Amino acid sequence: DIPEDLEIHHIVVNDWKRGVDADQNVVLISIPSVLGKELAPTGKHVLHAYTPGTEPYDIWEGLDRRSSEYKKLKAERSE
């Protein structure tokens, strides 16, 4: 069951001591269908989850997005 008082925005922080700008520490969640019921089927919601720009660029630099190395790193970092 989906609670009637569901809020539109949520933040999940794994470890507040590390700070919200720490690598792989924060996920932001937006549920736009809370405000627009027509955005999802009855009884369902649309959920958008994303991480802020804290992923270190240097581990991705120079990787070809079609390479197996890139795909492996992407799978590891998304866990």
PDB file of N, CA and C in Angstrom:
ATOM      1  N   ASP A   1       0.825  -1.195   0.000  1.00  0.00           N
ATOM      2  CA  ASP A   1       0.000   0.000   0.000  1.00  0.00           C
ATOM      3  C   ASP A   1       0.868   1.257   0.000  1.00  0.00           C
ATOM      4  N   ILE A   2       0.431   2.228  -0.735  1.00  0.00           N
ATOM      5  CA  ILE A   2       1.146   3.498  -0.819  1.00  0.00           C
ATOM      6  C   ILE A   2       0.499   4.472   0.161  1.00  0.00           C
ATOM      7  N   PRO A   3       1.271   5.023   1.093  1.00  0.00           N
ATOM      8  CA  PRO A   3       0.688   5.941   2.069  1.00  0.00           C
ATOM      9  C   PRO A   3       0.157   7.215   1.417  1.00  0.00           C
ATOM     10  N   GLU A   4      -0.939   7.717   1.926  1.00  0.00           N
ATOM     11  CA  GLU A   4      -1.550   8.943   1.394  1.00  0.00           C
ATOM     12  C   GLU A   4      -0.661  10.165   1.618  1.00  0.00           C
ATOM     13  N   ASP A   5       0.154  10.138   2.667  1.00  0.00           N
ATOM     14  CA  ASP A   5       0.995  11.292   2.996  1.00  0.00           C
ATOM     15  C   ASP A   5       2.413  11.176   2.417  1.00  0.00           C
ATOM     16  N   LEU A   6       2.570  10.378   1.374  1.00  0.00           N
ATOM     17  CA  LEU A   6       3.873  10.204   0.729  1.00  0.00           C
ATOM     18  C   LEU A   6       4.382  11.554   0.230  1.00  0.00           C
ATOM     19  N   GLU A   7       5.612  11.881   0.569  1.00  0.00           N
ATOM     20  CA  GLU A   7       6.225  13.142   0.138  1.00  0.00           C
ATOM     21  C   GLU A   7       6.859  12.979  -1.243  1.00  0.00           C
ATOM     22  N   ILE A   8       7.048  14.091  -1.939  1.00  0.00           N
ATOM     23  CA  ILE A   8       7.589  14.041  -3.296  1.00  0.00           C
ATOM     24  C   ILE A   8       9.107  13.816  -3.331  1.00  0.00           C
ATOM     25  N   HIS A   9       9.848  14.376  -2.376  1.00  0.00           N
ATOM     26  CA  HIS A   9      11.308  14.271  -2.403  1.00  0.00           C
ATOM     27  C   HIS A   9      11.831  13.548  -1.171  1.00  0.00           C
ATOM     28  N   HIS A  10      12.861  12.740  -1.389  1.00  0.00           N
ATOM     29  CA  HIS A  10      13.501  11.984  -0.311  1.00  0.00           C
ATOM     30  C   HIS A  10      15.005  11.993  -0.547  1.00  0.00           C
ATOM     31  N   ILE A  11      15.755  11.876   0.538  1.00  0.00           N
ATOM     32  CA  ILE A  11      17.209  11.750   0.454  1.00  0.00           C
ATOM     33  C   ILE A  11      17.628  10.580   1.333  1.00  0.00           C
ATOM     34  N   VAL A  12      18.494   9.739   0.794  1.00  0.00           N
ATOM     35  CA  VAL A  12      19.032   8.608   1.550  1.00  0.00           C
ATOM     36  C   VAL A  12      20.537   8.838   1.671  1.00  0.00           C
ATOM     37  N   VAL A  13      21.012   8.895   2.907  1.00  0.00           N
ATOM     38  CA  VAL A  13      22.436   9.095   3.169  1.00  0.00           C
ATOM     39  C   VAL A  13      22.945   7.864   3.907  1.00  0.00           C
ATOM     40  N   ASN A  14      23.918   7.190   3.333  1.00  0.00           N
ATOM     41  CA  ASN A  14      24.465   5.985   3.964  1.00  0.00           C
ATOM     42  C   ASN A  14      25.176   6.301   5.269  1.00  0.00           C
ATOM     43  N   ASP A  15      25.966   7.361   5.291  1.00  0.00           N
ATOM     44  CA  ASP A  15      26.758   7.701   6.477  1.00  0.00           C
ATOM     45  C   ASP A  15      26.886   9.219   6.576  1.00  0.00           C
ATOM     46  N   TRP A  16      26.125   9.816   7.498  1.00  0.00           N
ATOM     47  CA  TRP A  16      26.141  11.273   7.653  1.00  0.00           C
ATOM     48  C   TRP A  16      27.525  11.785   8.048  1.00  0.00           C
ATOM     49  N   LYS A  17      28.314  10.974   8.714  1.00  0.00           N
ATOM     50  CA  LYS A  17      29.655  11.398   9.135  1.00  0.00           C
ATOM     51  C   LYS A  17      30.557  11.662   7.932  1.00  0.00           C
ATOM     52  N   ARG A  18      30.305  10.958   6.829  1.00  0.00           N
ATOM     53  CA  ARG A  18      31.112  11.144   5.610  1.00  0.00           C
ATOM     54  C   ARG A  18      30.701  12.397   4.850  1.00  0.00           C
ATOM     55  N   GLY A  19      29.505  12.896   5.103  1.00  0.00           N
ATOM     56  CA  GLY A  19      29.019  14.093   4.423  1.00  0.00           C
ATOM     57  C   GLY A  19      28.268  13.768   3.148  1.00  0.00           C
ATOM     58  N   VAL A  20      27.445  14.708   2.722  1.00  0.00           N
ATOM     59  CA  VAL A  20      26.614  14.480   1.537  1.00  0.00           C
ATOM     60  C   VAL A  20      27.396  14.604   0.232  1.00  0.00           C
ATOM     61  N   ASP A  21      28.624  15.089   0.306  1.00  0.00           N
ATOM     62  CA  ASP A  21      29.431  15.191  -0.906  1.00  0.00           C
ATOM     63  C   ASP A  21      30.423  14.039  -1.050  1.00  0.00           C
ATOM     64  N   ALA A  22      30.334  13.044  -0.169  1.00  0.00           N
ATOM     65  CA  ALA A  22      31.231  11.889  -0.231  1.00  0.00           C
ATOM     66  C   ALA A  22      30.834  10.949  -1.366  1.00  0.00           C
ATOM     67  N   ASP A  23      31.817  10.317  -1.933  1.00  0.00           N
ATOM     68  CA  ASP A  23      31.644   9.358  -3.021  1.00  0.00           C
ATOM     69  C   ASP A  23      30.676   8.242  -2.623  1.00  0.00           C
ATOM     70  N   GLN A  24      29.685   7.991  -3.451  1.00  0.00           N
ATOM     71  CA  GLN A  24      28.700   6.907  -3.285  1.00  0.00           C
ATOM     72  C   GLN A  24      28.027   6.905  -1.906  1.00  0.00           C
ATOM     73  N   ASN A  25      27.653   8.068  -1.410  1.00  0.00           N
ATOM     74  CA  ASN A  25      27.070   8.166  -0.075  1.00  0.00           C
ATOM     75  C   ASN A  25      25.621   8.636  -0.074  1.00  0.00           C
ATOM     76  N   VAL A  26      25.145   9.202  -1.174  1.00  0.00           N
ATOM     77  CA  VAL A  26      23.815   9.811  -1.183  1.00  0.00           C
ATOM     78  C   VAL A  26      23.023   9.390  -2.422  1.00  0.00           C
ATOM     79  N   VAL A  27      21.738   9.140  -2.220  1.00  0.00           N
ATOM     80  CA  VAL A  27      20.796   8.934  -3.322  1.00  0.00           C
ATOM     81  C   VAL A  27      19.634   9.893  -3.099  1.00  0.00           C
ATOM     82  N   LEU A  28      19.268  10.614  -4.136  1.00  0.00           N
ATOM     83  CA  LEU A  28      18.121  11.515  -4.088  1.00  0.00           C
ATOM     84  C   LEU A  28      16.977  10.860  -4.846  1.00  0.00           C
ATOM     85  N   ILE A  29      15.785  10.948  -4.283  1.00  0.00           N
ATOM     86  CA  ILE A  29      14.619  10.293  -4.877  1.00  0.00           C
ATOM     87  C   ILE A  29      13.512  11.317  -5.049  1.00  0.00           C
ATOM     88  N   SER A  30      12.936  11.344  -6.224  1.00  0.00           N
ATOM     89  CA  SER A  30      11.813  12.223  -6.526  1.00  0.00           C
ATOM     90  C   SER A  30      10.658  11.358  -7.023  1.00  0.00           C
ATOM     91  N   ILE A  31       9.461  11.648  -6.529  1.00  0.00           N
ATOM     92  CA  ILE A  31       8.268  10.894  -6.919  1.00  0.00           C
ATOM     93  C   ILE A  31       7.246  11.902  -7.457  1.00  0.00           C
ATOM     94  N   PRO A  32       7.400  12.314  -8.726  1.00  0.00           N
ATOM     95  CA  PRO A  32       6.555  13.375  -9.267  1.00  0.00           C
ATOM     96  C   PRO A  32       5.068  13.045  -9.311  1.00  0.00           C
ATOM     97  N   SER A  33       4.725  11.783  -9.352  1.00  0.00           N
ATOM     98  CA  SER A  33       3.309  11.401  -9.401  1.00  0.00           C
ATOM     99  C   SER A  33       2.587  11.680  -8.085  1.00  0.00           C
ATOM    100  N   VAL A  34       3.328  12.042  -7.027  1.00  0.00           N
ATOM    101  CA  VAL A  34       2.684  12.484  -5.783  1.00  0.00           C
ATOM    102  C   VAL A  34       1.877  13.750  -6.065  1.00  0.00           C
ATOM    103  N   LEU A  35       2.422  14.621  -6.912  1.00  0.00           N
ATOM    104  CA  LEU A  35       1.741  15.873  -7.247  1.00  0.00           C
ATOM    105  C   LEU A  35       0.862  15.758  -8.485  1.00  0.00           C
ATOM    106  N   GLY A  36       1.183  14.820  -9.367  1.00  0.00           N
ATOM    107  CA  GLY A  36       0.414  14.641 -10.598  1.00  0.00           C
ATOM    108  C   GLY A  36      -0.005  13.194 -10.755  1.00  0.00           C
ATOM    109  N   LYS A  37      -1.147  12.845 -10.214  1.00  0.00           N
ATOM    110  CA  LYS A  37      -1.622  11.448 -10.230  1.00  0.00           C
ATOM    111  C   LYS A  37      -1.734  10.890 -11.651  1.00  0.00           C
ATOM    112  N   GLU A  38      -1.911  11.780 -12.641  1.00  0.00           N
ATOM    113  CA  GLU A  38      -2.052  11.332 -14.028  1.00  0.00           C
ATOM    114  C   GLU A  38      -0.730  10.826 -14.619  1.00  0.00           C
ATOM    115  N   LEU A  39       0.361  10.982 -13.901  1.00  0.00           N
ATOM    116  CA  LEU A  39       1.670  10.554 -14.389  1.00  0.00           C
ATOM    117  C   LEU A  39       1.914   9.055 -14.262  1.00  0.00           C
ATOM    118  N   ALA A  40       1.046   8.360 -13.522  1.00  0.00           N
ATOM    119  CA  ALA A  40       1.225   6.917 -13.308  1.00  0.00           C
ATOM    120  C   ALA A  40      -0.136   6.237 -13.255  1.00  0.00           C
ATOM    121  N   PRO A  41      -0.182   4.935 -13.522  1.00  0.00           N
ATOM    122  CA  PRO A  41      -1.449   4.208 -13.401  1.00  0.00           C
ATOM    123  C   PRO A  41      -1.995   4.289 -11.968  1.00  0.00           C
ATOM    124  N   THR A  42      -3.282   4.150 -11.820  1.00  0.00           N
ATOM    125  CA  THR A  42      -3.924   4.189 -10.507  1.00  0.00           C
ATOM    126  C   THR A  42      -3.253   3.204  -9.552  1.00  0.00           C
ATOM    127  N   GLY A  43      -2.931   3.696  -8.361  1.00  0.00           N
ATOM    128  CA  GLY A  43      -2.289   2.860  -7.353  1.00  0.00           C
ATOM    129  C   GLY A  43      -0.787   2.705  -7.509  1.00  0.00           C
ATOM    130  N   LYS A  44      -0.224   3.363  -8.512  1.00  0.00           N
ATOM    131  CA  LYS A  44       1.220   3.271  -8.790  1.00  0.00           C
ATOM    132  C   LYS A  44       1.842   4.665  -8.750  1.00  0.00           C
ATOM    133  N   HIS A  45       3.187   4.707  -8.765  1.00  0.00           N
ATOM    134  CA  HIS A  45       3.904   5.977  -8.796  1.00  0.00           C
ATOM    135  C   HIS A  45       5.077   5.905  -9.754  1.00  0.00           C
ATOM    136  N   VAL A  46       5.501   7.050 -10.206  1.00  0.00           N
ATOM    137  CA  VAL A  46       6.720   7.200 -10.992  1.00  0.00           C
ATOM    138  C   VAL A  46       7.818   7.581 -10.008  1.00  0.00           C
ATOM    139  N   LEU A  47       8.947   6.899 -10.084  1.00  0.00           N
ATOM    140  CA  LEU A  47      10.053   7.162  -9.170  1.00  0.00           C
ATOM    141  C   LEU A  47      11.306   7.474  -9.978  1.00  0.00           C
ATOM    142  N   HIS A  48      11.965   8.562  -9.612  1.00  0.00           N
ATOM    143  CA  HIS A  48      13.229   8.945 -10.248  1.00  0.00           C
ATOM    144  C   HIS A  48      14.278   8.998  -9.149  1.00  0.00           C
ATOM    145  N   ALA A  49      15.275   8.135  -9.224  1.00  0.00           N
ATOM    146  CA  ALA A  49      16.350   8.108  -8.227  1.00  0.00           C
ATOM    147  C   ALA A  49      17.662   8.442  -8.923  1.00  0.00           C
ATOM    148  N   TYR A  50      18.459   9.259  -8.281  1.00  0.00           N
ATOM    149  CA  TYR A  50      19.736   9.642  -8.871  1.00  0.00           C
ATOM    150  C   TYR A  50      20.737   9.989  -7.781  1.00  0.00           C
ATOM    151  N   THR A  51      21.988   9.999  -8.155  1.00  0.00           N
ATOM    152  CA  THR A  51      23.045  10.375  -7.224  1.00  0.00           C
ATOM    153  C   THR A  51      23.568  11.745  -7.623  1.00  0.00           C
ATOM    154  N   PRO A  52      23.971  12.539  -6.641  1.00  0.00           N
ATOM    155  CA  PRO A  52      24.541  13.839  -6.982  1.00  0.00           C
ATOM    156  C   PRO A  52      25.892  13.660  -7.677  1.00  0.00           C
ATOM    157  N   GLY A  53      26.420  14.715  -8.203  1.00  0.00           N
ATOM    158  CA  GLY A  53      27.669  14.644  -8.966  1.00  0.00           C
ATOM    159  C   GLY A  53      28.903  14.442  -8.108  1.00  0.00           C
ATOM    160  N   THR A  54      28.921  13.378  -7.322  1.00  0.00           N
ATOM    161  CA  THR A  54      30.070  13.110  -6.452  1.00  0.00           C
ATOM    162  C   THR A  54      30.917  11.940  -6.943  1.00  0.00           C
ATOM    163  N   GLU A  55      30.549  11.366  -8.063  1.00  0.00           N
ATOM    164  CA  GLU A  55      31.324  10.249  -8.617  1.00  0.00           C
ATOM    165  C   GLU A  55      32.660  10.793  -9.115  1.00  0.00           C
ATOM    166  N   PRO A  56      33.779  10.203  -8.688  1.00  0.00           N
ATOM    167  CA  PRO A  56      35.083  10.709  -9.126  1.00  0.00           C
ATOM    168  C   PRO A  56      35.290  10.501 -10.629  1.00  0.00           C
ATOM    169  N   TYR A  57      35.605  11.569 -11.316  1.00  0.00           N
ATOM    170  CA  TYR A  57      35.769  11.506 -12.768  1.00  0.00           C
ATOM    171  C   TYR A  57      36.998  10.698 -13.177  1.00  0.00           C
ATOM    172  N   ASP A  58      38.043  10.768 -12.375  1.00  0.00           N
ATOM    173  CA  ASP A  58      39.308  10.161 -12.794  1.00  0.00           C
ATOM    174  C   ASP A  58      39.221   8.656 -13.041  1.00  0.00           C
ATOM    175  N   ILE A  59      38.308   7.948 -12.393  1.00  0.00           N
ATOM    176  CA  ILE A  59      38.206   6.502 -12.642  1.00  0.00           C
ATOM    177  C   ILE A  59      37.516   6.194 -13.976  1.00  0.00           C
ATOM    178  N   TRP A  60      36.815   7.190 -14.530  1.00  0.00           N
ATOM    179  CA  TRP A  60      36.107   7.016 -15.801  1.00  0.00           C
ATOM    180  C   TRP A  60      36.867   7.626 -16.984  1.00  0.00           C
ATOM    181  N   GLU A  61      37.791   8.510 -16.683  1.00  0.00           N
ATOM    182  CA  GLU A  61      38.493   9.254 -17.725  1.00  0.00           C
ATOM    183  C   GLU A  61      39.181   8.318 -18.719  1.00  0.00           C
ATOM    184  N   GLY A  62      38.921   8.541 -19.990  1.00  0.00           N
ATOM    185  CA  GLY A  62      39.561   7.772 -21.042  1.00  0.00           C
ATOM    186  C   GLY A  62      38.898   6.445 -21.375  1.00  0.00           C
ATOM    187  N   LEU A  63      37.866   6.061 -20.626  1.00  0.00           N
ATOM    188  CA  LEU A  63      37.194   4.787 -20.914  1.00  0.00           C
ATOM    189  C   LEU A  63      36.217   4.941 -22.075  1.00  0.00           C
ATOM    190  N   ASP A  64      36.240   4.002 -22.978  1.00  0.00           N
ATOM    191  CA  ASP A  64      35.275   3.957 -24.075  1.00  0.00           C
ATOM    192  C   ASP A  64      33.976   3.382 -23.521  1.00  0.00           C
ATOM    193  N   ARG A  65      32.882   4.110 -23.673  1.00  0.00           N
ATOM    194  CA  ARG A  65      31.591   3.669 -23.125  1.00  0.00           C
ATOM    195  C   ARG A  65      31.103   2.347 -23.707  1.00  0.00           C
ATOM    196  N   ARG A  66      31.678   1.913 -24.795  1.00  0.00           N
ATOM    197  CA  ARG A  66      31.291   0.628 -25.399  1.00  0.00           C
ATOM    198  C   ARG A  66      32.191  -0.516 -24.953  1.00  0.00           C
ATOM    199  N   SER A  67      33.234  -0.198 -24.195  1.00  0.00           N
ATOM    200  CA  SER A  67      34.205  -1.227 -23.811  1.00  0.00           C
ATOM    201  C   SER A  67      33.699  -2.096 -22.665  1.00  0.00           C
ATOM    202  N   SER A  68      34.242  -3.296 -22.585  1.00  0.00           N
ATOM    203  CA  SER A  68      33.873  -4.200 -21.490  1.00  0.00           C
ATOM    204  C   SER A  68      34.370  -3.651 -20.152  1.00  0.00           C
ATOM    205  N   GLU A  69      35.504  -2.952 -20.164  1.00  0.00           N
ATOM    206  CA  GLU A  69      36.035  -2.343 -18.935  1.00  0.00           C
ATOM    207  C   GLU A  69      35.051  -1.302 -18.377  1.00  0.00           C
ATOM    208  N   TYR A  70      34.509  -0.470 -19.269  1.00  0.00           N
ATOM    209  CA  TYR A  70      33.525   0.541 -18.866  1.00  0.00           C
ATOM    210  C   TYR A  70      32.274  -0.129 -18.299  1.00  0.00           C
ATOM    211  N   LYS A  71      31.773  -1.135 -19.004  1.00  0.00           N
ATOM    212  CA  LYS A  71      30.554  -1.821 -18.568  1.00  0.00           C
ATOM    213  C   LYS A  71      30.745  -2.508 -17.221  1.00  0.00           C
ATOM    214  N   LYS A  72      31.921  -3.083 -17.008  1.00  0.00           N
ATOM    215  CA  LYS A  72      32.221  -3.735 -15.731  1.00  0.00           C
ATOM    216  C   LYS A  72      32.260  -2.707 -14.602  1.00  0.00           C
ATOM    217  N   LEU A  73      32.945  -1.594 -14.830  1.00  0.00           N
ATOM    218  CA  LEU A  73      33.030  -0.544 -13.814  1.00  0.00           C
ATOM    219  C   LEU A  73      31.650   0.039 -13.518  1.00  0.00           C
ATOM    220  N   LYS A  74      30.854   0.236 -14.548  1.00  0.00           N
ATOM    221  CA  LYS A  74      29.496   0.763 -14.378  1.00  0.00           C
ATOM    222  C   LYS A  74      28.662  -0.177 -13.505  1.00  0.00           C
ATOM    223  N   ALA A  75      28.754  -1.468 -13.755  1.00  0.00           N
ATOM    224  CA  ALA A  75      28.015  -2.453 -12.951  1.00  0.00           C
ATOM    225  C   ALA A  75      28.486  -2.437 -11.496  1.00  0.00           C
ATOM    226  N   GLU A  76      29.797  -2.362 -11.299  1.00  0.00           N
ATOM    227  CA  GLU A  76      30.352  -2.336  -9.938  1.00  0.00           C
ATOM    228  C   GLU A  76      29.916  -1.090  -9.180  1.00  0.00           C
ATOM    229  N   ARG A  77      29.985   0.069  -9.842  1.00  0.00           N
ATOM    230  CA  ARG A  77      29.675   1.336  -9.174  1.00  0.00           C
ATOM    231  C   ARG A  77      28.185   1.513  -8.920  1.00  0.00           C
ATOM    232  N   SER A  78      27.355   0.782  -9.628  1.00  0.00           N
ATOM    233  CA  SER A  78      25.904   0.915  -9.432  1.00  0.00           C
ATOM    234  C   SER A  78      25.367   0.001  -8.341  1.00  0.00           C
ATOM    235  N   GLU A  79      26.198  -0.864  -7.801  1.00  0.00           N
ATOM    236  CA  GLU A  79      25.747  -1.780  -6.743  1.00  0.00           C
ATOM    237  C   GLU A  79      25.522  -1.065  -5.441  1.00  0.00           C
TER     238      GLU A  79
END
